[in-house]
Each structure stands twice: as structure tokens, then as C-alpha cells.
Amino acid sequence: NTDRSQLARIAKRMEEKADRLTLE
């Protein structure tokens, strides 16, 4: 379960980085 929670946090950071590229 800890791995899946860690994945969710990593995915959120990736999505935020992708959002910045979208704005650019």
C-alpha cells in the first residue's frame, strides 16, 4: 500500500510539471 501511495505523490508532481509545459 505504501508503494501505491508513493506512486500517487509522484504522479501528482509529474502532472504539475506537465501543466507548466502546457501553459508554455
PDB file of all heavy atoms in Angstrom:
ATOM      1  N   ASN A   1       0.824  -1.208   0.000  1.00  0.00           N
ATOM      2  CA  ASN A   1       0.000   0.000   0.000  1.00  0.00           C
ATOM      3  C   ASN A   1       0.864   1.266   0.000  1.00  0.00           C
ATOM      4  O   ASN A   1       0.512   2.276  -0.603  1.00  0.00           O
ATOM      5  CB  ASN A   1      -0.913  -0.010   1.224  1.00  0.00           C
ATOM      6  CG  ASN A   1      -1.947   1.100   1.166  1.00  0.00           C
ATOM      7  OD1 ASN A   1      -2.584   1.289   0.133  1.00  0.00           O
ATOM      8  ND2 ASN A   1      -2.090   1.832   2.265  1.00  0.00           N
ATOM      9  N   THR A   2       2.027   1.195   0.690  1.00  0.00           N
ATOM     10  CA  THR A   2       2.916   2.361   0.736  1.00  0.00           C
ATOM     11  C   THR A   2       3.451   2.692  -0.648  1.00  0.00           C
ATOM     12  O   THR A   2       3.630   3.865  -0.992  1.00  0.00           O
ATOM     13  CB  THR A   2       4.086   2.091   1.688  1.00  0.00           C
ATOM     14  OG1 THR A   2       4.752   0.882   1.280  1.00  0.00           O
ATOM     15  CG2 THR A   2       3.595   1.963   3.126  1.00  0.00           C
ATOM     16  N   ASP A   3       3.709   1.653  -1.473  1.00  0.00           N
ATOM     17  CA  ASP A   3       4.191   1.897  -2.832  1.00  0.00           C
ATOM     18  C   ASP A   3       3.141   2.631  -3.652  1.00  0.00           C
ATOM     19  O   ASP A   3       3.457   3.527  -4.444  1.00  0.00           O
ATOM     20  CB  ASP A   3       4.546   0.577  -3.519  1.00  0.00           C
ATOM     21  CG  ASP A   3       5.848  -0.006  -2.980  1.00  0.00           C
ATOM     22  OD1 ASP A   3       6.535   0.712  -2.234  1.00  0.00           O
ATOM     23  OD2 ASP A   3       6.151  -1.164  -3.309  1.00  0.00           O
ATOM     24  N   ARG A   4       1.880   2.229  -3.481  1.00  0.00           N
ATOM     25  CA  ARG A   4       0.813   2.860  -4.260  1.00  0.00           C
ATOM     26  C   ARG A   4       0.601   4.313  -3.831  1.00  0.00           C
ATOM     27  O   ARG A   4       0.336   5.179  -4.666  1.00  0.00           O
ATOM     28  CB  ARG A   4      -0.479   2.051  -4.114  1.00  0.00           C
ATOM     29  CG  ARG A   4      -0.406   0.723  -4.870  1.00  0.00           C
ATOM     30  CD  ARG A   4      -1.701  -0.066  -4.797  1.00  0.00           C
ATOM     31  NE  ARG A   4      -1.831  -0.796  -3.540  1.00  0.00           N
ATOM     32  CZ  ARG A   4      -2.796  -0.600  -2.647  1.00  0.00           C
ATOM     33  NH1 ARG A   4      -3.720   0.305  -2.872  1.00  0.00           N
ATOM     34  NH2 ARG A   4      -2.846  -1.315  -1.531  1.00  0.00           N
ATOM     35  N   SER A   5       0.757   4.604  -2.561  1.00  0.00           N
ATOM     36  CA  SER A   5       0.642   5.986  -2.090  1.00  0.00           C
ATOM     37  C   SER A   5       1.799   6.836  -2.614  1.00  0.00           C
ATOM     38  O   SER A   5       1.615   8.001  -3.005  1.00  0.00           O
ATOM     39  CB  SER A   5       0.637   6.013  -0.547  1.00  0.00           C
ATOM     40  OG  SER A   5      -0.495   5.335  -0.056  1.00  0.00           O
ATOM     41  N   GLN A   6       2.983   6.225  -2.624  1.00  0.00           N
ATOM     42  CA  GLN A   6       4.141   6.937  -3.156  1.00  0.00           C
ATOM     43  C   GLN A   6       3.950   7.235  -4.640  1.00  0.00           C
ATOM     44  O   GLN A   6       4.295   8.324  -5.128  1.00  0.00           O
ATOM     45  CB  GLN A   6       5.404   6.095  -2.940  1.00  0.00           C
ATOM     46  CG  GLN A   6       6.674   6.691  -3.529  1.00  0.00           C
ATOM     47  CD  GLN A   6       7.124   7.945  -2.803  1.00  0.00           C
ATOM     48  OE1 GLN A   6       6.589   8.281  -1.746  1.00  0.00           O
ATOM     49  NE2 GLN A   6       8.074   8.657  -3.385  1.00  0.00           N
ATOM     50  N   LEU A   7       3.387   6.282  -5.390  1.00  0.00           N
ATOM     51  CA  LEU A   7       3.119   6.478  -6.811  1.00  0.00           C
ATOM     52  C   LEU A   7       2.159   7.649  -7.018  1.00  0.00           C
ATOM     53  O   LEU A   7       2.338   8.460  -7.941  1.00  0.00           O
ATOM     54  CB  LEU A   7       2.534   5.201  -7.420  1.00  0.00           C
ATOM     55  CG  LEU A   7       2.042   5.329  -8.873  1.00  0.00           C
ATOM     56  CD1 LEU A   7       3.190   5.722  -9.802  1.00  0.00           C
ATOM     57  CD2 LEU A   7       1.386   4.021  -9.341  1.00  0.00           C
ATOM     58  N   ALA A   8       1.149   7.754  -6.181  1.00  0.00           N
ATOM     59  CA  ALA A   8       0.187   8.856  -6.310  1.00  0.00           C
ATOM     60  C   ALA A   8       0.872  10.203  -6.140  1.00  0.00           C
ATOM     61  O   ALA A   8       0.582  11.166  -6.863  1.00  0.00           O
ATOM     62  CB  ALA A   8      -0.943   8.687  -5.295  1.00  0.00           C
ATOM     63  N   ARG A   9       1.802  10.272  -5.183  1.00  0.00           N
ATOM     64  CA  ARG A   9       2.511  11.540  -4.964  1.00  0.00           C
ATOM     65  C   ARG A   9       3.430  11.869  -6.149  1.00  0.00           C
ATOM     66  O   ARG A   9       3.514  13.023  -6.581  1.00  0.00           O
ATOM     67  CB  ARG A   9       3.319  11.458  -3.664  1.00  0.00           C
ATOM     68  CG  ARG A   9       2.446  11.465  -2.411  1.00  0.00           C
ATOM     69  CD  ARG A   9       3.280  11.682  -1.169  1.00  0.00           C
ATOM     70  NE  ARG A   9       4.114  10.512  -0.890  1.00  0.00           N
ATOM     71  CZ  ARG A   9       3.726   9.475  -0.135  1.00  0.00           C
ATOM     72  NH1 ARG A   9       2.510   9.456   0.403  1.00  0.00           N
ATOM     73  NH2 ARG A   9       4.552   8.471   0.091  1.00  0.00           N
ATOM     74  N   ILE A  10       4.099  10.845  -6.663  1.00  0.00           N
ATOM     75  CA  ILE A  10       4.971  11.064  -7.821  1.00  0.00           C
ATOM     76  C   ILE A  10       4.150  11.493  -9.032  1.00  0.00           C
ATOM     77  O   ILE A  10       4.531  12.407  -9.786  1.00  0.00           O
ATOM     78  CB  ILE A  10       5.769   9.774  -8.136  1.00  0.00           C
ATOM     79  CG1 ILE A  10       6.763   9.490  -7.010  1.00  0.00           C
ATOM     80  CG2 ILE A  10       6.495   9.906  -9.474  1.00  0.00           C
ATOM     81  CD1 ILE A  10       7.468   8.155  -7.142  1.00  0.00           C
ATOM     82  N   ALA A  11       3.000  10.838  -9.229  1.00  0.00           N
ATOM     83  CA  ALA A  11       2.130  11.164 -10.363  1.00  0.00           C
ATOM     84  C   ALA A  11       1.656  12.613 -10.283  1.00  0.00           C
ATOM     85  O   ALA A  11       1.566  13.313 -11.309  1.00  0.00           O
ATOM     86  CB  ALA A  11       0.935  10.211 -10.390  1.00  0.00           C
ATOM     87  N   LYS A  12       1.375  13.080  -9.075  1.00  0.00           N
ATOM     88  CA  LYS A  12       0.912  14.457  -8.911  1.00  0.00           C
ATOM     89  C   LYS A  12       2.006  15.437  -9.312  1.00  0.00           C
ATOM     90  O   LYS A  12       1.743  16.446  -9.985  1.00  0.00           O
ATOM     91  CB  LYS A  12       0.490  14.690  -7.456  1.00  0.00           C
ATOM     92  CG  LYS A  12      -0.142  16.054  -7.219  1.00  0.00           C
ATOM     93  CD  LYS A  12      -1.399  16.211  -8.070  1.00  0.00           C
ATOM     94  CE  LYS A  12      -2.046  17.563  -7.848  1.00  0.00           C
ATOM     95  NZ  LYS A  12      -3.197  17.759  -8.776  1.00  0.00           N
ATOM     96  N   ARG A  13       3.245  15.146  -8.907  1.00  0.00           N
ATOM     97  CA  ARG A  13       4.348  16.028  -9.287  1.00  0.00           C
ATOM     98  C   ARG A  13       4.559  16.036 -10.805  1.00  0.00           C
ATOM     99  O   ARG A  13       4.826  17.080 -11.406  1.00  0.00           O
ATOM    100  CB  ARG A  13       5.630  15.604  -8.564  1.00  0.00           C
ATOM    101  CG  ARG A  13       5.610  15.906  -7.068  1.00  0.00           C
ATOM    102  CD  ARG A  13       7.020  15.871  -6.492  1.00  0.00           C
ATOM    103  NE  ARG A  13       7.591  14.532  -6.559  1.00  0.00           N
ATOM    104  CZ  ARG A  13       7.485  13.611  -5.596  1.00  0.00           C
ATOM    105  NH1 ARG A  13       6.802  13.900  -4.484  1.00  0.00           N
ATOM    106  NH2 ARG A  13       8.058  12.438  -5.715  1.00  0.00           N
ATOM    107  N   MET A  14       4.441  14.862 -11.418  1.00  0.00           N
ATOM    108  CA  MET A  14       4.564  14.774 -12.878  1.00  0.00           C
ATOM    109  C   MET A  14       3.471  15.584 -13.563  1.00  0.00           C
ATOM    110  O   MET A  14       3.717  16.301 -14.542  1.00  0.00           O
ATOM    111  CB  MET A  14       4.478  13.313 -13.336  1.00  0.00           C
ATOM    112  CG  MET A  14       5.682  12.460 -12.999  1.00  0.00           C
ATOM    113  SD  MET A  14       5.486  10.790 -13.666  1.00  0.00           S
ATOM    114  CE  MET A  14       7.050  10.041 -13.191  1.00  0.00           C
ATOM    115  N   GLU A  15       2.252  15.464 -13.049  1.00  0.00           N
ATOM    116  CA  GLU A  15       1.123  16.185 -13.648  1.00  0.00           C
ATOM    117  C   GLU A  15       1.311  17.689 -13.536  1.00  0.00           C
ATOM    118  O   GLU A  15       1.005  18.445 -14.466  1.00  0.00           O
ATOM    119  CB  GLU A  15      -0.170  15.739 -12.958  1.00  0.00           C
ATOM    120  CG  GLU A  15      -1.445  16.220 -13.646  1.00  0.00           C
ATOM    121  CD  GLU A  15      -1.929  17.561 -13.099  1.00  0.00           C
ATOM    122  OE1 GLU A  15      -1.505  17.923 -11.976  1.00  0.00           O
ATOM    123  OE2 GLU A  15      -2.702  18.243 -13.798  1.00  0.00           O
ATOM    124  N   GLU A  16       1.854  18.156 -12.405  1.00  0.00           N
ATOM    125  CA  GLU A  16       2.103  19.591 -12.232  1.00  0.00           C
ATOM    126  C   GLU A  16       3.186  20.078 -13.194  1.00  0.00           C
ATOM    127  O   GLU A  16       3.096  21.176 -13.751  1.00  0.00           O
ATOM    128  CB  GLU A  16       2.507  19.865 -10.784  1.00  0.00           C
ATOM    129  CG  GLU A  16       1.351  19.692  -9.794  1.00  0.00           C
ATOM    130  CD  GLU A  16       1.804  19.782  -8.350  1.00  0.00           C
ATOM    131  OE1 GLU A  16       3.049  19.783  -8.121  1.00  0.00           O
ATOM    132  OE2 GLU A  16       0.949  19.842  -7.452  1.00  0.00           O
ATOM    133  N   LYS A  17       4.229  19.270 -13.395  1.00  0.00           N
ATOM    134  CA  LYS A  17       5.271  19.631 -14.351  1.00  0.00           C
ATOM    135  C   LYS A  17       4.706  19.673 -15.768  1.00  0.00           C
ATOM    136  O   LYS A  17       5.021  20.584 -16.553  1.00  0.00           O
ATOM    137  CB  LYS A  17       6.414  18.626 -14.269  1.00  0.00           C
ATOM    138  CG  LYS A  17       7.603  18.971 -15.143  1.00  0.00           C
ATOM    139  CD  LYS A  17       8.747  17.994 -14.934  1.00  0.00           C
ATOM    140  CE  LYS A  17       9.949  18.364 -15.805  1.00  0.00           C
ATOM    141  NZ  LYS A  17      11.079  17.407 -15.592  1.00  0.00           N
ATOM    142  N   ALA A  18       3.843  18.715 -16.083  1.00  0.00           N
ATOM    143  CA  ALA A  18       3.204  18.698 -17.401  1.00  0.00           C
ATOM    144  C   ALA A  18       2.302  19.917 -17.586  1.00  0.00           C
ATOM    145  O   ALA A  18       2.212  20.473 -18.687  1.00  0.00           O
ATOM    146  CB  ALA A  18       2.405  17.410 -17.579  1.00  0.00           C
ATOM    147  N   ASP A  19       1.635  20.345 -16.508  1.00  0.00           N
ATOM    148  CA  ASP A  19       0.784  21.539 -16.581  1.00  0.00           C
ATOM    149  C   ASP A  19       1.603  22.763 -16.982  1.00  0.00           C
ATOM    150  O   ASP A  19       1.148  23.597 -17.778  1.00  0.00           O
ATOM    151  CB  ASP A  19       0.121  21.801 -15.222  1.00  0.00           C
ATOM    152  CG  ASP A  19      -1.110  20.929 -15.005  1.00  0.00           C
ATOM    153  OD1 ASP A  19      -1.573  20.319 -15.990  1.00  0.00           O
ATOM    154  OD2 ASP A  19      -1.588  20.851 -13.857  1.00  0.00           O
ATOM    155  N   ARG A  20       2.807  22.895 -16.417  1.00  0.00           N
ATOM    156  CA  ARG A  20       3.654  24.044 -16.764  1.00  0.00           C
ATOM    157  C   ARG A  20       4.047  24.020 -18.240  1.00  0.00           C
ATOM    158  O   ARG A  20       4.097  25.072 -18.894  1.00  0.00           O
ATOM    159  CB  ARG A  20       4.896  24.051 -15.866  1.00  0.00           C
ATOM    160  CG  ARG A  20       4.588  24.379 -14.405  1.00  0.00           C
ATOM    161  CD  ARG A  20       5.851  24.698 -13.624  1.00  0.00           C
ATOM    162  NE  ARG A  20       6.695  23.518 -13.442  1.00  0.00           N
ATOM    163  CZ  ARG A  20       6.588  22.673 -12.425  1.00  0.00           C
ATOM    164  NH1 ARG A  20       5.656  22.856 -11.492  1.00  0.00           N
ATOM    165  NH2 ARG A  20       7.411  21.655 -12.308  1.00  0.00           N
ATOM    166  N   LEU A  21       4.314  22.838 -18.757  1.00  0.00           N
ATOM    167  CA  LEU A  21       4.628  22.728 -20.183  1.00  0.00           C
ATOM    168  C   LEU A  21       3.415  23.074 -21.035  1.00  0.00           C
ATOM    169  O   LEU A  21       3.543  23.681 -22.104  1.00  0.00           O
ATOM    170  CB  LEU A  21       5.124  21.315 -20.503  1.00  0.00           C
ATOM    171  CG  LEU A  21       6.482  20.943 -19.909  1.00  0.00           C
ATOM    172  CD1 LEU A  21       6.796  19.470 -20.163  1.00  0.00           C
ATOM    173  CD2 LEU A  21       7.583  21.816 -20.503  1.00  0.00           C
ATOM    174  N   THR A  22       2.242  22.691 -20.566  1.00  0.00           N
ATOM    175  CA  THR A  22       1.013  23.033 -21.288  1.00  0.00           C
ATOM    176  C   THR A  22       0.845  24.545 -21.372  1.00  0.00           C
ATOM    177  O   THR A  22       0.514  25.096 -22.431  1.00  0.00           O
ATOM    178  CB  THR A  22      -0.215  22.408 -20.597  1.00  0.00           C
ATOM    179  OG1 THR A  22      -0.088  20.988 -20.612  1.00  0.00           O
ATOM    180  CG2 THR A  22      -1.504  22.806 -21.302  1.00  0.00           C
ATOM    181  N   LEU A  23       1.070  25.227 -20.259  1.00  0.00           N
ATOM    182  CA  LEU A  23       0.962  26.693 -20.254  1.00  0.00           C
ATOM    183  C   LEU A  23       1.976  27.316 -21.203  1.00  0.00           C
ATOM    184  O   LEU A  23       1.665  28.277 -21.924  1.00  0.00           O
ATOM    185  CB  LEU A  23       1.177  27.218 -18.835  1.00  0.00           C
ATOM    186  CG  LEU A  23       0.061  26.916 -17.825  1.00  0.00           C
ATOM    187  CD1 LEU A  23       0.470  27.392 -16.436  1.00  0.00           C
ATOM    188  CD2 LEU A  23      -1.246  27.581 -18.241  1.00  0.00           C
ATOM    189  N   GLU A  24       3.195  26.789 -21.224  1.00  0.00           N
ATOM    190  CA  GLU A  24       4.228  27.311 -22.127  1.00  0.00           C
ATOM    191  C   GLU A  24       3.795  27.163 -23.587  1.00  0.00           C
ATOM    192  O   GLU A  24       3.923  28.104 -24.384  1.00  0.00           O
ATOM    193  CB  GLU A  24       5.541  26.562 -21.891  1.00  0.00           C
ATOM    194  CG  GLU A  24       6.688  27.054 -22.760  1.00  0.00           C
ATOM    195  CD  GLU A  24       7.973  26.283 -22.501  1.00  0.00           C
ATOM    196  OE1 GLU A  24       8.063  25.564 -21.477  1.00  0.00           O
ATOM    197  OE2 GLU A  24       8.904  26.388 -23.349  1.00  0.00           O
TER     198      GLU A  24
END
